[in-house]
Amino acid sequence: MTTAQYSPQTLKDLQPTKEFFIGIDSDGCVFDSMELKQKECFVPNTIRVFGLQSISKYVREVSEFVNLYSMWRGANRFPDLIKVMDLLAERSEVKARGIQVPRLDSLRAWMAGTTRHSNSSLQEKIDQTGDDELKQVMEWSLAVNRAIEEMVFGLTPFPFVIEFLERAGTRADLLCISQTPAEALEREWQEHGIDKYVRLIAGQEYGTKTEHLQLAAGGGKYPRERKLMIGDALGDLKAAREGDTLFFPINPGGEEASWEQLAGEGLDRFFDGSFAGAYEEALIENFRKLLPETPSWSTD
């Protein structure tokens, strides 16, 4: 499928073939890829492209907090890049060195004008404006993609994922819902032969995760109690709520136990109608505690 074919309309055109619907995030949820991608692909290119070598220690610390260990985990790369720069600019150590951290005003303006936060949409804006800052952001994003293609392979799904997919697919339409570029998602799912379990692999080109859920499963296609989103980030929970969908968290640091629970009692409860309510609320309460808003250096 070419970039031009990654259209939100494709999601809207999907019609139910089963009585239930399940959306599944990919990075850090199906695959243990978050640490590798962030630490070996995102961070080095953030330092290099934006000329932050003299504060590399703090770039790494802030980037890992934002993208792995905080409430912003799993968000689209462009708002997370802005969050990294904002937190860097606030740090006393960075101010003491006199480093001017990029404000990324052009990126903020572009993001405010579209929900399609993808490379293809960014390139359209660059073609219209010739903006140098947006060109630099695109250089960064493409460099990250190249690094991921070179570095990220051979990562098998978490234990119990395939068992879950096999069981869930007997009664539910399954969809991969992610803010990773679709090409990378397709490569990773195909590498392990699990793309056969989902009807579609939807990446950032299709819109936000909320839009994925609303288009693919909204509009009366499935009742709320028969729709489930699986994710490892608070953004996944937010998308589920905005998409009027139930939520099962894959806990960062406890992924295997989460998938084992989901493949067993979680899926049973979803299918028998006892998932919503106290069971779901307890899962989410524990999940929220794992992803704080305040970084450790702000409380030292």
Protein backbone atom coordinates (compact mmCIF):
# COMPACT_ATOMS: atom_id res chain seq x y z
CA MET A 1 0.00 0.00 0.00
CA THR A 2 1.41 3.41 -0.97
CA THR A 3 1.33 6.51 1.22
CA ALA A 4 -1.54 7.93 -0.84
CA GLN A 5 -3.62 4.87 0.00
CA TYR A 6 -3.29 5.34 3.76
CA SER A 7 -6.64 7.10 4.00
CA PRO A 8 -9.03 7.62 6.94
CA GLN A 9 -11.78 6.67 4.52
CA THR A 10 -10.42 3.11 4.56
CA LEU A 11 -11.26 2.92 8.27
CA LYS A 12 -14.69 4.45 7.74
CA ASP A 13 -15.46 1.90 5.04
CA LEU A 14 -14.76 -1.06 7.34
CA GLN A 15 -17.96 -2.88 8.26
CA PRO A 16 -18.38 -5.40 11.10
CA THR A 17 -17.80 -9.06 10.31
CA LYS A 18 -17.94 -10.17 13.96
CA GLU A 19 -20.01 -9.10 16.97
CA PHE A 20 -17.06 -7.55 18.88
CA PHE A 21 -14.30 -5.05 18.02
CA ILE A 22 -10.78 -4.85 19.51
CA GLY A 23 -8.18 -2.18 18.73
CA ILE A 24 -4.57 -3.00 19.62
CA ASP A 25 -1.61 -0.63 19.96
CA SER A 26 1.76 -1.92 18.71
CA ASP A 27 4.97 -0.35 20.11
CA GLY A 28 5.44 -1.26 23.76
CA CYS A 29 2.16 -3.13 23.70
CA VAL A 30 2.43 -6.03 21.23
CA PHE A 31 6.21 -5.66 20.84
CA ASP A 32 8.89 -4.88 23.44
CA SER A 33 10.23 -2.20 21.12
CA MET A 34 9.81 1.06 23.02
CA GLU A 35 13.14 1.01 24.87
CA LEU A 36 15.11 0.08 21.76
CA LYS A 37 13.44 2.64 19.51
CA GLN A 38 13.61 5.51 21.95
CA LYS A 39 17.10 4.96 23.35
CA GLU A 40 18.88 3.89 20.15
CA CYS A 41 16.88 5.65 17.39
CA PHE A 42 15.05 8.72 18.71
CA VAL A 43 17.52 10.09 21.27
CA PRO A 44 20.71 10.01 19.14
CA ASN A 45 18.95 11.73 16.25
CA THR A 46 17.38 14.35 18.51
CA ILE A 47 20.85 15.22 19.78
CA ARG A 48 22.44 15.24 16.32
CA VAL A 49 19.79 17.01 14.22
CA PHE A 50 19.04 19.77 16.74
CA GLY A 51 22.67 20.32 17.76
CA LEU A 52 22.23 19.41 21.41
CA GLN A 53 25.55 17.60 21.90
CA SER A 54 26.64 19.78 24.81
CA ILE A 55 23.57 18.78 26.85
CA SER A 56 23.28 15.21 25.58
CA LYS A 57 23.00 13.82 29.12
CA TYR A 58 19.89 15.88 29.78
CA VAL A 59 18.41 15.26 26.33
CA ARG A 60 18.61 11.55 27.02
CA GLU A 61 17.13 11.84 30.51
CA VAL A 62 14.26 14.09 29.41
CA SER A 63 13.52 12.09 26.25
CA GLU A 64 13.38 8.81 28.11
CA PHE A 65 11.09 10.29 30.76
CA VAL A 66 8.68 11.75 28.21
CA ASN A 67 8.59 8.83 25.81
CA LEU A 68 8.93 5.86 28.17
CA TYR A 69 8.21 6.64 31.81
CA SER A 70 5.56 9.36 31.91
CA MET A 71 1.97 10.19 31.04
CA TRP A 72 3.20 11.16 27.54
CA ARG A 73 4.46 7.65 26.76
CA GLY A 74 3.28 6.37 23.41
CA ALA A 75 2.10 9.70 22.00
CA ASN A 76 2.75 10.85 18.45
CA ARG A 77 6.42 11.73 17.87
CA PHE A 78 5.80 15.39 17.02
CA PRO A 79 3.98 16.53 20.21
CA ASP A 80 6.42 14.45 22.23
CA LEU A 81 9.34 16.23 20.54
CA ILE A 82 7.82 19.55 21.62
CA LYS A 83 7.38 18.25 25.17
CA VAL A 84 11.03 17.16 25.28
CA MET A 85 12.19 20.61 24.17
CA ASP A 86 9.91 22.36 26.67
CA LEU A 87 11.16 20.28 29.60
CA LEU A 88 14.77 20.76 28.50
CA ALA A 89 14.30 24.53 28.35
CA GLU A 90 13.01 24.52 31.95
CA ARG A 91 15.98 22.62 33.40
CA SER A 92 18.37 24.69 35.50
CA GLU A 93 21.35 22.68 34.22
CA VAL A 94 20.50 23.60 30.62
CA LYS A 95 19.96 27.27 31.48
CA ALA A 96 23.30 27.35 33.34
CA ARG A 97 25.10 26.28 30.17
CA GLY A 98 23.44 29.02 28.13
CA ILE A 99 21.97 26.57 25.63
CA GLN A 100 19.12 27.83 23.48
CA VAL A 101 16.74 24.91 23.13
CA PRO A 102 14.62 25.08 19.92
CA ARG A 103 11.12 26.40 20.61
CA LEU A 104 9.69 24.74 17.48
CA ASP A 105 7.08 27.44 16.90
CA SER A 106 6.51 26.40 13.30
CA LEU A 107 5.95 22.80 14.37
CA ARG A 108 3.44 23.94 16.98
CA ALA A 109 1.57 26.01 14.40
CA TRP A 110 1.44 23.13 11.92
CA MET A 111 0.18 20.73 14.57
CA ALA A 112 -2.53 23.17 15.64
CA GLY A 113 -3.87 23.23 12.10
CA THR A 114 -4.20 19.49 11.45
CA THR A 115 -4.83 16.18 13.18
CA ARG A 116 -2.73 14.37 10.56
CA HIS A 117 0.59 14.47 12.41
CA SER A 118 2.49 12.36 9.90
CA ASN A 119 5.54 12.77 7.69
CA SER A 120 3.38 13.00 4.57
CA SER A 121 1.25 15.78 6.07
CA LEU A 122 4.35 17.59 7.30
CA GLN A 123 5.89 17.40 3.83
CA GLU A 124 2.76 18.96 2.36
CA LYS A 125 3.22 21.92 4.72
CA ILE A 126 6.90 22.20 3.84
CA ASP A 127 6.02 22.23 0.13
CA GLN A 128 3.56 25.06 0.79
CA THR A 129 5.78 27.22 3.02
CA GLY A 130 9.42 26.22 2.57
CA ASP A 131 9.78 26.66 6.34
CA ASP A 132 13.35 25.87 7.48
CA GLU A 133 12.33 24.70 10.94
CA LEU A 134 9.82 22.23 9.50
CA LYS A 135 12.54 20.98 7.15
CA GLN A 136 14.75 20.32 10.18
CA VAL A 137 11.93 18.46 11.93
CA MET A 138 11.41 16.38 8.79
CA GLU A 139 15.15 15.61 8.66
CA TRP A 140 14.87 14.37 12.25
CA SER A 141 11.76 12.29 11.61
CA LEU A 142 13.19 10.63 8.51
CA ALA A 143 16.48 9.95 10.30
CA VAL A 144 14.54 8.27 13.11
CA ASN A 145 12.71 6.12 10.56
CA ARG A 146 15.97 5.06 8.93
CA ALA A 147 17.47 4.18 12.30
CA ILE A 148 14.41 2.12 13.21
CA GLU A 149 14.57 0.25 9.91
CA GLU A 150 18.25 -0.54 10.49
CA MET A 151 18.02 -1.31 14.21
CA VAL A 152 14.59 -2.69 15.03
CA PHE A 153 14.06 -6.23 13.87
CA GLY A 154 13.85 -9.66 15.42
CA LEU A 155 11.67 -8.42 18.29
CA THR A 156 9.10 -11.09 18.95
CA PRO A 157 5.66 -10.25 20.38
CA PHE A 158 5.27 -10.43 24.14
CA PRO A 159 4.32 -13.85 25.53
CA PHE A 160 0.56 -14.54 25.35
CA VAL A 161 0.02 -12.05 22.48
CA ILE A 162 -0.42 -14.70 19.81
CA GLU A 163 -2.60 -16.79 22.12
CA PHE A 164 -4.76 -13.72 22.66
CA LEU A 165 -4.96 -12.89 18.93
CA GLU A 166 -6.01 -16.42 18.09
CA ARG A 167 -8.74 -16.50 20.75
CA ALA A 168 -9.96 -12.94 20.22
CA GLY A 169 -10.16 -13.29 16.45
CA THR A 170 -12.81 -15.98 16.68
CA ARG A 171 -15.39 -13.47 17.91
CA ALA A 172 -13.93 -9.99 17.32
CA ASP A 173 -12.79 -7.82 14.43
CA LEU A 174 -9.17 -6.91 15.28
CA LEU A 175 -7.39 -3.73 14.22
CA CYS A 176 -3.87 -2.43 14.88
CA ILE A 177 -4.18 1.18 16.07
CA SER A 178 -0.92 3.12 16.35
CA GLN A 179 0.85 6.44 15.84
CA THR A 180 3.88 4.71 14.33
CA PRO A 181 4.26 5.17 10.55
CA ALA A 182 2.24 2.49 8.75
CA GLU A 183 5.21 1.19 6.74
CA ALA A 184 7.14 0.34 9.91
CA LEU A 185 4.08 -1.26 11.50
CA GLU A 186 3.44 -3.43 8.47
CA ARG A 187 7.07 -4.54 8.37
CA GLU A 188 7.07 -5.50 12.05
CA TRP A 189 3.73 -7.33 12.03
CA GLN A 190 4.54 -9.17 8.79
CA GLU A 191 7.98 -10.19 10.07
CA HIS A 192 6.31 -12.28 12.78
CA GLY A 193 3.30 -13.42 10.75
CA ILE A 194 0.75 -11.74 13.01
CA ASP A 195 -0.63 -9.34 10.41
CA LYS A 196 -3.02 -12.16 9.40
CA TYR A 197 -4.96 -11.68 12.63
CA VAL A 198 -5.97 -8.05 12.01
CA ARG A 199 -8.23 -6.57 9.38
CA LEU A 200 -6.06 -3.47 8.99
CA ILE A 201 -2.81 -2.00 10.33
CA ALA A 202 -3.56 1.69 10.92
CA GLY A 203 -0.60 4.02 11.48
CA GLN A 204 -0.24 7.77 11.93
CA GLU A 205 -1.23 8.40 8.30
CA TYR A 206 -4.82 7.42 9.10
CA GLY A 207 -5.20 10.12 11.78
CA THR A 208 -5.15 10.02 15.56
CA LYS A 209 -5.96 6.92 17.61
CA THR A 210 -9.25 8.53 18.58
CA GLU A 211 -10.09 8.98 14.92
CA HIS A 212 -9.09 5.37 14.22
CA LEU A 213 -11.58 4.14 16.82
CA GLN A 214 -14.34 6.54 15.83
CA LEU A 215 -14.06 5.74 12.13
CA ALA A 216 -13.50 1.98 12.37
CA ALA A 217 -15.84 1.15 15.24
CA GLY A 218 -18.07 4.18 15.85
CA GLY A 219 -21.29 5.32 14.26
CA GLY A 220 -23.26 2.42 15.65
CA LYS A 221 -21.10 -0.29 14.12
CA TYR A 222 -20.64 -1.94 17.53
CA PRO A 223 -22.23 -1.29 20.96
CA ARG A 224 -19.89 0.31 23.52
CA GLU A 225 -19.75 -2.81 25.69
CA ARG A 226 -18.50 -4.78 22.66
CA LYS A 227 -15.60 -2.44 21.83
CA LEU A 228 -12.18 -2.72 23.50
CA MET A 229 -8.90 -0.82 23.15
CA ILE A 230 -5.63 -2.37 24.33
CA GLY A 231 -2.68 -0.07 25.00
CA ASP A 232 0.32 0.76 27.16
CA ALA A 233 0.00 4.53 27.37
CA LEU A 234 -2.41 7.11 28.76
CA GLY A 235 -2.94 8.33 25.21
CA ASP A 236 -4.47 4.93 24.45
CA LEU A 237 -6.82 5.32 27.41
CA LYS A 238 -7.76 8.82 26.24
CA ALA A 239 -8.47 7.51 22.73
CA ALA A 240 -10.61 4.74 24.18
CA ARG A 241 -12.67 7.18 26.21
CA GLU A 242 -13.08 9.60 23.30
CA GLY A 243 -13.97 6.66 21.07
CA ASP A 244 -16.58 5.39 23.57
CA THR A 245 -14.60 2.18 23.99
CA LEU A 246 -13.60 -0.03 26.92
CA PHE A 247 -9.90 -0.19 27.82
CA PHE A 248 -7.44 -2.86 28.94
CA PRO A 249 -3.98 -1.56 29.94
CA ILE A 250 -0.71 -3.35 29.20
CA ASN A 251 1.31 -2.14 32.18
CA PRO A 252 4.82 -0.80 31.41
CA GLY A 253 7.25 -3.10 33.19
CA GLY A 254 4.59 -5.76 33.65
CA GLU A 255 3.69 -6.51 30.07
CA GLU A 256 3.86 -10.31 30.24
CA ALA A 257 1.58 -10.48 33.29
CA SER A 258 -0.84 -8.07 31.62
CA TRP A 259 -1.06 -10.14 28.45
CA GLU A 260 -1.50 -13.34 30.44
CA GLN A 261 -4.39 -11.75 32.33
CA LEU A 262 -5.92 -10.37 29.13
CA ALA A 263 -5.61 -13.65 27.21
CA GLY A 264 -7.45 -15.38 30.06
CA GLU A 265 -9.90 -13.66 32.35
CA GLY A 266 -9.82 -10.25 30.64
CA LEU A 267 -10.98 -11.60 27.31
CA ASP A 268 -13.51 -13.88 28.99
CA ARG A 269 -14.98 -10.91 30.85
CA PHE A 270 -15.12 -8.83 27.67
CA PHE A 271 -17.00 -11.53 25.82
CA ASP A 272 -19.39 -12.34 28.67
CA GLY A 273 -20.23 -8.70 29.45
CA SER A 274 -18.63 -8.44 32.91
CA PHE A 275 -15.62 -6.30 31.91
CA ALA A 276 -17.09 -2.79 32.31
CA GLY A 277 -17.41 -1.37 35.80
CA ALA A 278 -15.34 -2.37 38.82
CA TYR A 279 -13.02 -4.72 36.88
CA GLU A 280 -12.03 -2.13 34.28
CA GLU A 281 -11.81 0.67 36.86
CA ALA A 282 -9.35 -1.28 39.02
CA LEU A 283 -7.13 -1.99 36.03
CA ILE A 284 -7.05 1.67 35.05
CA GLU A 285 -6.42 2.94 38.58
CA ASN A 286 -3.29 0.80 38.86
CA PHE A 287 -2.20 1.75 35.33
CA ARG A 288 -2.35 5.51 35.99
CA LYS A 289 0.04 5.18 38.94
CA LEU A 290 2.76 3.85 36.61
CA LEU A 291 2.87 6.94 34.36
CA PRO A 292 3.48 10.19 36.30
CA GLU A 293 3.32 13.76 35.05
CA THR A 294 6.14 15.17 37.18
CA PRO A 295 9.74 14.14 36.40
CA SER A 296 12.07 13.06 39.18
CA TRP A 297 14.43 16.01 38.74
CA SER A 298 11.56 18.39 39.55
CA THR A 299 11.05 16.77 42.94
CA ASP A 300 14.69 16.31 43.99
